[in-house]
Amino acid sequence: MTFLLHFIFIAAFLLIYIIAIIILKPFRIHRKRPVSTIFIKASYLLYLASFLLMAYLILFFLPASDPGEEMDEERILNSLTVFSILAFFIPNIGIMIRRRILSWRISYNYMISGFNILIAAGLIWFILDLPWQFR
């Protein structure tokens, strides 16, 4: 039964990722801004992959906590919650409003790409740092 649940969530997350690739069209090169456009799309896809991996791990492999480390774990999980909320909104809003920015679009693309890479690195750091309970 749990295998089926894992399979359903993995398939759903892959479907979300494939739809994001179809919508973003990362291999379509903009003639005025080729480098910054590819950079923002690739960094968003990197962010999305790390966010979906983090969501999958949180759903099925909650971090283990020892009774003595309860205060530290609670502080880390609270910071993870705040970071996850920010990580959910900032890149998605950034990728959605990019077409409305006209005058400074190249610098906007690089700025949002930097945010995407920083958030993806933070999510990967949380993934590697937390003590997951793999069964």
N, C-alpha and C. Protein backbone atom coordinates (compact mmCIF):
# COMPACT_ATOMS: atom_id res chain seq x y z
N MET A 1 0.82 -1.20 0.00
CA MET A 1 0.00 0.00 0.00
C MET A 1 0.87 1.27 0.00
N THR A 2 1.92 1.27 0.81
CA THR A 2 2.77 2.46 0.85
C THR A 2 3.53 2.64 -0.46
N PHE A 3 3.87 1.52 -1.10
CA PHE A 3 4.54 1.61 -2.40
C PHE A 3 3.66 2.34 -3.41
N LEU A 4 2.36 2.02 -3.40
CA LEU A 4 1.43 2.67 -4.31
C LEU A 4 1.32 4.16 -4.02
N LEU A 5 1.31 4.51 -2.75
CA LEU A 5 1.26 5.92 -2.37
C LEU A 5 2.52 6.67 -2.80
N HIS A 6 3.67 6.04 -2.60
CA HIS A 6 4.93 6.63 -3.07
C HIS A 6 4.90 6.81 -4.59
N PHE A 7 4.45 5.80 -5.28
CA PHE A 7 4.39 5.85 -6.74
C PHE A 7 3.47 6.97 -7.23
N ILE A 8 2.32 7.12 -6.58
CA ILE A 8 1.37 8.17 -6.98
C ILE A 8 1.98 9.55 -6.79
N PHE A 9 2.63 9.78 -5.65
CA PHE A 9 3.23 11.08 -5.40
C PHE A 9 4.42 11.35 -6.32
N ILE A 10 5.23 10.35 -6.58
CA ILE A 10 6.35 10.53 -7.50
C ILE A 10 5.83 10.85 -8.90
N ALA A 11 4.79 10.14 -9.33
CA ALA A 11 4.21 10.41 -10.65
C ALA A 11 3.60 11.81 -10.70
N ALA A 12 2.94 12.24 -9.63
CA ALA A 12 2.35 13.58 -9.60
C ALA A 12 3.43 14.66 -9.64
N PHE A 13 4.51 14.46 -8.87
CA PHE A 13 5.60 15.44 -8.87
C PHE A 13 6.30 15.49 -10.22
N LEU A 14 6.48 14.34 -10.86
CA LEU A 14 7.07 14.33 -12.20
C LEU A 14 6.16 15.03 -13.21
N LEU A 15 4.86 14.84 -13.07
CA LEU A 15 3.91 15.51 -13.95
C LEU A 15 3.98 17.03 -13.76
N ILE A 16 4.08 17.49 -12.52
CA ILE A 16 4.23 18.92 -12.26
C ILE A 16 5.50 19.45 -12.91
N TYR A 17 6.59 18.70 -12.79
CA TYR A 17 7.86 19.12 -13.36
C TYR A 17 7.80 19.16 -14.89
N ILE A 18 7.17 18.17 -15.50
CA ILE A 18 7.04 18.13 -16.96
C ILE A 18 6.16 19.27 -17.46
N ILE A 19 5.08 19.56 -16.73
CA ILE A 19 4.22 20.68 -17.11
C ILE A 19 4.98 22.00 -17.01
N ALA A 20 5.82 22.14 -15.98
CA ALA A 20 6.63 23.36 -15.84
C ALA A 20 7.60 23.49 -17.01
N ILE A 21 8.18 22.39 -17.45
CA ILE A 21 9.08 22.43 -18.61
C ILE A 21 8.32 22.82 -19.87
N ILE A 22 7.12 22.28 -20.05
CA ILE A 22 6.31 22.61 -21.23
C ILE A 22 5.91 24.08 -21.22
N ILE A 23 5.52 24.60 -20.07
CA ILE A 23 5.10 25.99 -19.99
C ILE A 23 6.28 26.95 -20.15
N LEU A 24 7.40 26.64 -19.50
CA LEU A 24 8.56 27.54 -19.56
C LEU A 24 9.28 27.53 -20.90
N LYS A 25 9.25 26.41 -21.59
CA LYS A 25 9.99 26.23 -22.84
C LYS A 25 11.44 26.67 -22.68
N PRO A 26 12.22 25.94 -21.87
CA PRO A 26 13.58 26.39 -21.56
C PRO A 26 14.53 26.37 -22.75
N PHE A 27 14.20 25.65 -23.79
CA PHE A 27 15.10 25.58 -24.95
C PHE A 27 14.75 26.62 -26.01
N ARG A 28 13.72 27.40 -25.76
CA ARG A 28 13.35 28.48 -26.67
C ARG A 28 14.18 29.71 -26.29
N ILE A 29 15.01 30.16 -27.20
CA ILE A 29 15.95 31.24 -26.92
C ILE A 29 15.36 32.57 -27.34
N HIS A 30 15.37 33.53 -26.43
CA HIS A 30 14.91 34.88 -26.72
C HIS A 30 15.99 35.61 -27.51
N ARG A 31 15.61 36.31 -28.58
CA ARG A 31 16.66 36.90 -29.43
C ARG A 31 17.29 38.14 -28.83
N LYS A 32 16.58 38.88 -27.96
CA LYS A 32 17.17 40.07 -27.34
C LYS A 32 17.95 39.75 -26.07
N ARG A 33 17.47 38.76 -25.32
CA ARG A 33 18.08 38.43 -24.02
C ARG A 33 18.32 36.92 -23.93
N PRO A 34 19.19 36.34 -24.73
CA PRO A 34 19.31 34.88 -24.73
C PRO A 34 19.90 34.31 -23.45
N VAL A 35 20.94 34.91 -22.91
CA VAL A 35 21.62 34.33 -21.75
C VAL A 35 20.79 34.48 -20.49
N SER A 36 20.25 35.67 -20.25
CA SER A 36 19.50 35.88 -19.01
C SER A 36 18.20 35.07 -19.00
N THR A 37 17.57 34.91 -20.15
CA THR A 37 16.33 34.13 -20.22
C THR A 37 16.59 32.65 -19.94
N ILE A 38 17.63 32.11 -20.54
CA ILE A 38 17.97 30.70 -20.27
C ILE A 38 18.37 30.53 -18.81
N PHE A 39 19.09 31.51 -18.27
CA PHE A 39 19.54 31.44 -16.89
C PHE A 39 18.37 31.43 -15.91
N ILE A 40 17.35 32.30 -16.13
CA ILE A 40 16.21 32.33 -15.21
C ILE A 40 15.38 31.05 -15.33
N LYS A 41 15.23 30.52 -16.54
CA LYS A 41 14.44 29.30 -16.72
C LYS A 41 15.16 28.09 -16.11
N ALA A 42 16.45 27.98 -16.33
CA ALA A 42 17.21 26.86 -15.77
C ALA A 42 17.27 26.93 -14.25
N SER A 43 17.44 28.13 -13.71
CA SER A 43 17.49 28.25 -12.25
C SER A 43 16.12 27.95 -11.64
N TYR A 44 15.03 28.31 -12.32
CA TYR A 44 13.71 27.98 -11.81
C TYR A 44 13.48 26.47 -11.82
N LEU A 45 13.91 25.80 -12.87
CA LEU A 45 13.74 24.35 -12.93
C LEU A 45 14.60 23.65 -11.87
N LEU A 46 15.78 24.18 -11.58
CA LEU A 46 16.61 23.66 -10.50
C LEU A 46 15.92 23.86 -9.16
N TYR A 47 15.36 25.04 -8.94
CA TYR A 47 14.61 25.31 -7.72
C TYR A 47 13.42 24.36 -7.59
N LEU A 48 12.67 24.19 -8.67
CA LEU A 48 11.48 23.35 -8.62
C LEU A 48 11.83 21.90 -8.30
N ALA A 49 12.92 21.40 -8.87
CA ALA A 49 13.34 20.02 -8.58
C ALA A 49 13.70 19.87 -7.10
N SER A 50 14.44 20.83 -6.55
CA SER A 50 14.80 20.72 -5.13
C SER A 50 13.58 20.91 -4.24
N PHE A 51 12.64 21.77 -4.62
CA PHE A 51 11.43 21.96 -3.82
C PHE A 51 10.55 20.71 -3.83
N LEU A 52 10.41 20.09 -4.99
CA LEU A 52 9.60 18.86 -5.06
C LEU A 52 10.26 17.72 -4.29
N LEU A 53 11.58 17.63 -4.33
CA LEU A 53 12.28 16.61 -3.55
C LEU A 53 12.08 16.85 -2.05
N MET A 54 12.15 18.11 -1.63
CA MET A 54 11.93 18.44 -0.22
C MET A 54 10.50 18.10 0.19
N ALA A 55 9.53 18.41 -0.66
CA ALA A 55 8.13 18.10 -0.35
C ALA A 55 7.93 16.59 -0.24
N TYR A 56 8.54 15.82 -1.12
CA TYR A 56 8.43 14.36 -1.07
C TYR A 56 9.04 13.81 0.22
N LEU A 57 10.20 14.31 0.59
CA LEU A 57 10.84 13.82 1.81
C LEU A 57 10.04 14.20 3.05
N ILE A 58 9.47 15.39 3.07
CA ILE A 58 8.67 15.79 4.23
C ILE A 58 7.40 14.96 4.32
N LEU A 59 6.81 14.62 3.18
CA LEU A 59 5.58 13.83 3.19
C LEU A 59 5.81 12.41 3.72
N PHE A 60 6.91 11.79 3.35
CA PHE A 60 7.08 10.38 3.65
C PHE A 60 8.16 10.05 4.67
N PHE A 61 9.11 10.91 4.88
CA PHE A 61 10.23 10.60 5.77
C PHE A 61 10.46 11.76 6.73
N LEU A 62 9.55 11.94 7.67
CA LEU A 62 9.68 13.04 8.62
C LEU A 62 11.01 12.95 9.35
N PRO A 63 11.61 14.10 9.64
CA PRO A 63 12.89 14.08 10.36
C PRO A 63 12.74 13.46 11.75
N ALA A 64 13.73 12.66 12.13
CA ALA A 64 13.74 12.03 13.45
C ALA A 64 14.23 13.03 14.47
N SER A 65 13.74 12.90 15.69
CA SER A 65 14.20 13.78 16.76
C SER A 65 14.38 12.97 18.03
N ASP A 66 15.47 13.24 18.73
CA ASP A 66 15.72 12.63 20.03
C ASP A 66 15.09 13.50 21.10
N PRO A 67 14.68 12.89 22.25
CA PRO A 67 14.05 13.70 23.29
C PRO A 67 14.96 14.81 23.82
N GLY A 68 16.26 14.58 23.87
CA GLY A 68 17.18 15.59 24.38
C GLY A 68 17.41 16.73 23.42
N GLU A 69 17.22 16.49 22.15
CA GLU A 69 17.45 17.51 21.13
C GLU A 69 16.16 18.20 20.69
N GLU A 70 15.13 18.09 21.50
CA GLU A 70 13.83 18.59 21.09
C GLU A 70 13.83 20.10 20.85
N MET A 71 14.53 20.86 21.68
CA MET A 71 14.53 22.31 21.53
C MET A 71 15.26 22.73 20.25
N ASP A 72 16.42 22.13 19.98
CA ASP A 72 17.16 22.46 18.76
C ASP A 72 16.39 22.03 17.51
N GLU A 73 15.82 20.84 17.55
CA GLU A 73 15.05 20.35 16.40
C GLU A 73 13.83 21.23 16.15
N GLU A 74 13.19 21.69 17.22
CA GLU A 74 12.02 22.54 17.06
C GLU A 74 12.41 23.87 16.43
N ARG A 75 13.54 24.42 16.83
CA ARG A 75 14.01 25.68 16.25
C ARG A 75 14.38 25.48 14.77
N ILE A 76 15.03 24.36 14.47
CA ILE A 76 15.40 24.09 13.08
C ILE A 76 14.16 23.87 12.22
N LEU A 77 13.17 23.14 12.75
CA LEU A 77 11.97 22.90 11.97
C LEU A 77 11.15 24.17 11.80
N ASN A 78 11.16 25.07 12.80
CA ASN A 78 10.48 26.36 12.63
C ASN A 78 11.17 27.20 11.55
N SER A 79 12.49 27.20 11.55
CA SER A 79 13.20 27.95 10.51
C SER A 79 12.98 27.29 9.14
N LEU A 80 12.88 25.97 9.12
CA LEU A 80 12.58 25.27 7.87
C LEU A 80 11.19 25.65 7.36
N THR A 81 10.23 25.78 8.25
CA THR A 81 8.88 26.15 7.86
C THR A 81 8.85 27.55 7.26
N VAL A 82 9.48 28.50 7.93
CA VAL A 82 9.52 29.87 7.41
C VAL A 82 10.25 29.91 6.07
N PHE A 83 11.38 29.22 5.99
CA PHE A 83 12.16 29.19 4.74
C PHE A 83 11.34 28.52 3.62
N SER A 84 10.61 27.46 3.94
CA SER A 84 9.81 26.77 2.91
C SER A 84 8.69 27.65 2.39
N ILE A 85 8.09 28.43 3.28
CA ILE A 85 7.02 29.33 2.83
C ILE A 85 7.59 30.39 1.90
N LEU A 86 8.72 30.98 2.28
CA LEU A 86 9.36 31.96 1.41
C LEU A 86 9.83 31.30 0.11
N ALA A 87 10.35 30.08 0.22
CA ALA A 87 10.85 29.37 -0.96
C ALA A 87 9.71 29.01 -1.90
N PHE A 88 8.52 28.88 -1.39
CA PHE A 88 7.40 28.58 -2.27
C PHE A 88 6.95 29.82 -3.04
N PHE A 89 6.91 30.96 -2.38
CA PHE A 89 6.34 32.15 -3.01
C PHE A 89 7.31 32.94 -3.88
N ILE A 90 8.53 33.18 -3.42
CA ILE A 90 9.44 34.09 -4.12
C ILE A 90 9.75 33.63 -5.55
N PRO A 91 10.20 32.39 -5.77
CA PRO A 91 10.50 32.00 -7.17
C PRO A 91 9.27 31.93 -8.07
N ASN A 92 8.14 31.50 -7.51
CA ASN A 92 6.94 31.41 -8.35
C ASN A 92 6.42 32.78 -8.75
N ILE A 93 6.42 33.72 -7.83
CA ILE A 93 6.01 35.08 -8.17
C ILE A 93 7.01 35.69 -9.14
N GLY A 94 8.29 35.44 -8.90
CA GLY A 94 9.33 35.98 -9.79
C GLY A 94 9.21 35.49 -11.21
N ILE A 95 8.89 34.22 -11.40
CA ILE A 95 8.78 33.69 -12.76
C ILE A 95 7.47 34.13 -13.42
N MET A 96 6.43 34.38 -12.60
CA MET A 96 5.15 34.79 -13.17
C MET A 96 5.14 36.25 -13.64
N ILE A 97 5.84 37.14 -12.94
CA ILE A 97 5.76 38.54 -13.31
C ILE A 97 6.92 38.99 -14.20
N ARG A 98 7.73 38.06 -14.66
CA ARG A 98 8.90 38.46 -15.45
C ARG A 98 8.53 39.10 -16.76
N ARG A 99 7.40 38.79 -17.34
CA ARG A 99 7.02 39.38 -18.63
C ARG A 99 6.47 40.79 -18.48
N ARG A 100 6.11 41.16 -17.26
CA ARG A 100 5.61 42.52 -17.03
C ARG A 100 6.74 43.53 -16.82
N ILE A 101 7.95 43.02 -16.58
CA ILE A 101 9.12 43.89 -16.40
C ILE A 101 9.72 44.15 -17.79
N LEU A 102 9.72 45.40 -18.21
CA LEU A 102 10.20 45.69 -19.55
C LEU A 102 11.52 46.45 -19.56
N SER A 103 11.65 47.47 -18.72
CA SER A 103 12.81 48.35 -18.84
C SER A 103 14.10 47.73 -18.33
N TRP A 104 14.06 46.98 -17.27
CA TRP A 104 15.28 46.39 -16.69
C TRP A 104 15.17 44.87 -16.62
N ARG A 105 14.72 44.28 -17.69
CA ARG A 105 14.42 42.85 -17.72
C ARG A 105 15.66 41.98 -17.57
N ILE A 106 16.78 42.34 -18.16
CA ILE A 106 17.98 41.50 -18.07
C ILE A 106 18.48 41.44 -16.63
N SER A 107 18.55 42.59 -15.97
CA SER A 107 19.00 42.58 -14.57
C SER A 107 17.97 41.90 -13.68
N TYR A 108 16.68 42.04 -14.00
CA TYR A 108 15.64 41.34 -13.25
C TYR A 108 15.80 39.82 -13.40
N ASN A 109 16.06 39.35 -14.61
CA ASN A 109 16.26 37.92 -14.83
C ASN A 109 17.43 37.39 -14.01
N TYR A 110 18.53 38.14 -13.99
CA TYR A 110 19.70 37.71 -13.21
C TYR A 110 19.42 37.75 -11.71
N MET A 111 18.68 38.77 -11.25
CA MET A 111 18.37 38.89 -9.83
C MET A 111 17.47 37.73 -9.37
N ILE A 112 16.43 37.45 -10.12
CA ILE A 112 15.54 36.34 -9.76
C ILE A 112 16.26 35.01 -9.89
N SER A 113 17.16 34.88 -10.87
CA SER A 113 17.96 33.66 -10.99
C SER A 113 18.83 33.46 -9.77
N GLY A 114 19.40 34.54 -9.26
CA GLY A 114 20.19 34.45 -8.03
C GLY A 114 19.35 34.01 -6.85
N PHE A 115 18.13 34.58 -6.72
CA PHE A 115 17.23 34.13 -5.66
C PHE A 115 16.88 32.65 -5.81
N ASN A 116 16.60 32.23 -7.04
CA ASN A 116 16.26 30.82 -7.29
C ASN A 116 17.40 29.90 -6.89
N ILE A 117 18.62 30.27 -7.25
CA ILE A 117 19.77 29.43 -6.92
C ILE A 117 20.02 29.41 -5.42
N LEU A 118 19.89 30.57 -4.76
CA LEU A 118 20.06 30.62 -3.30
C LEU A 118 19.01 29.78 -2.58
N ILE A 119 17.78 29.87 -3.02
CA ILE A 119 16.71 29.09 -2.39
C ILE A 119 16.90 27.61 -2.66
N ALA A 120 17.29 27.25 -3.88
CA ALA A 120 17.56 25.83 -4.18
C ALA A 120 18.71 25.32 -3.34
N ALA A 121 19.76 26.12 -3.16
CA ALA A 121 20.89 25.70 -2.32
C ALA A 121 20.45 25.56 -0.87
N GLY A 122 19.60 26.46 -0.40
CA GLY A 122 19.08 26.34 0.96
C GLY A 122 18.23 25.09 1.15
N LEU A 123 17.40 24.79 0.17
CA LEU A 123 16.59 23.57 0.26
C LEU A 123 17.46 22.32 0.24
N ILE A 124 18.47 22.32 -0.61
CA ILE A 124 19.38 21.17 -0.65
C ILE A 124 20.15 21.04 0.66
N TRP A 125 20.52 22.19 1.25
CA TRP A 125 21.20 22.15 2.56
C TRP A 125 20.29 21.55 3.62
N PHE A 126 19.00 21.96 3.64
CA PHE A 126 18.06 21.37 4.60
C PHE A 126 17.88 19.88 4.34
N ILE A 127 17.82 19.48 3.08
CA ILE A 127 17.66 18.06 2.75
C ILE A 127 18.84 17.25 3.28
N LEU A 128 20.05 17.76 3.10
CA LEU A 128 21.23 17.03 3.54
C LEU A 128 21.44 17.11 5.04
N ASP A 129 20.94 18.17 5.68
CA ASP A 129 21.22 18.39 7.10
C ASP A 129 20.24 17.68 8.03
N LEU A 130 18.99 17.56 7.63
CA LEU A 130 17.98 16.98 8.52
C LEU A 130 18.15 15.47 8.64
N PRO A 131 17.91 14.93 9.85
CA PRO A 131 18.00 13.47 10.04
C PRO A 131 16.71 12.77 9.64
N TRP A 132 16.60 12.35 8.39
CA TRP A 132 15.38 11.72 7.88
C TRP A 132 15.24 10.31 8.40
N GLN A 133 14.03 9.85 8.57
CA GLN A 133 13.74 8.48 9.00
C GLN A 133 13.37 7.64 7.77
N PHE A 134 14.37 7.11 7.12
CA PHE A 134 14.12 6.25 5.96
C PHE A 134 13.73 4.87 6.45
N ARG A 135 12.65 4.37 5.92
CA ARG A 135 12.15 3.06 6.34
C ARG A 135 12.40 2.04 5.27
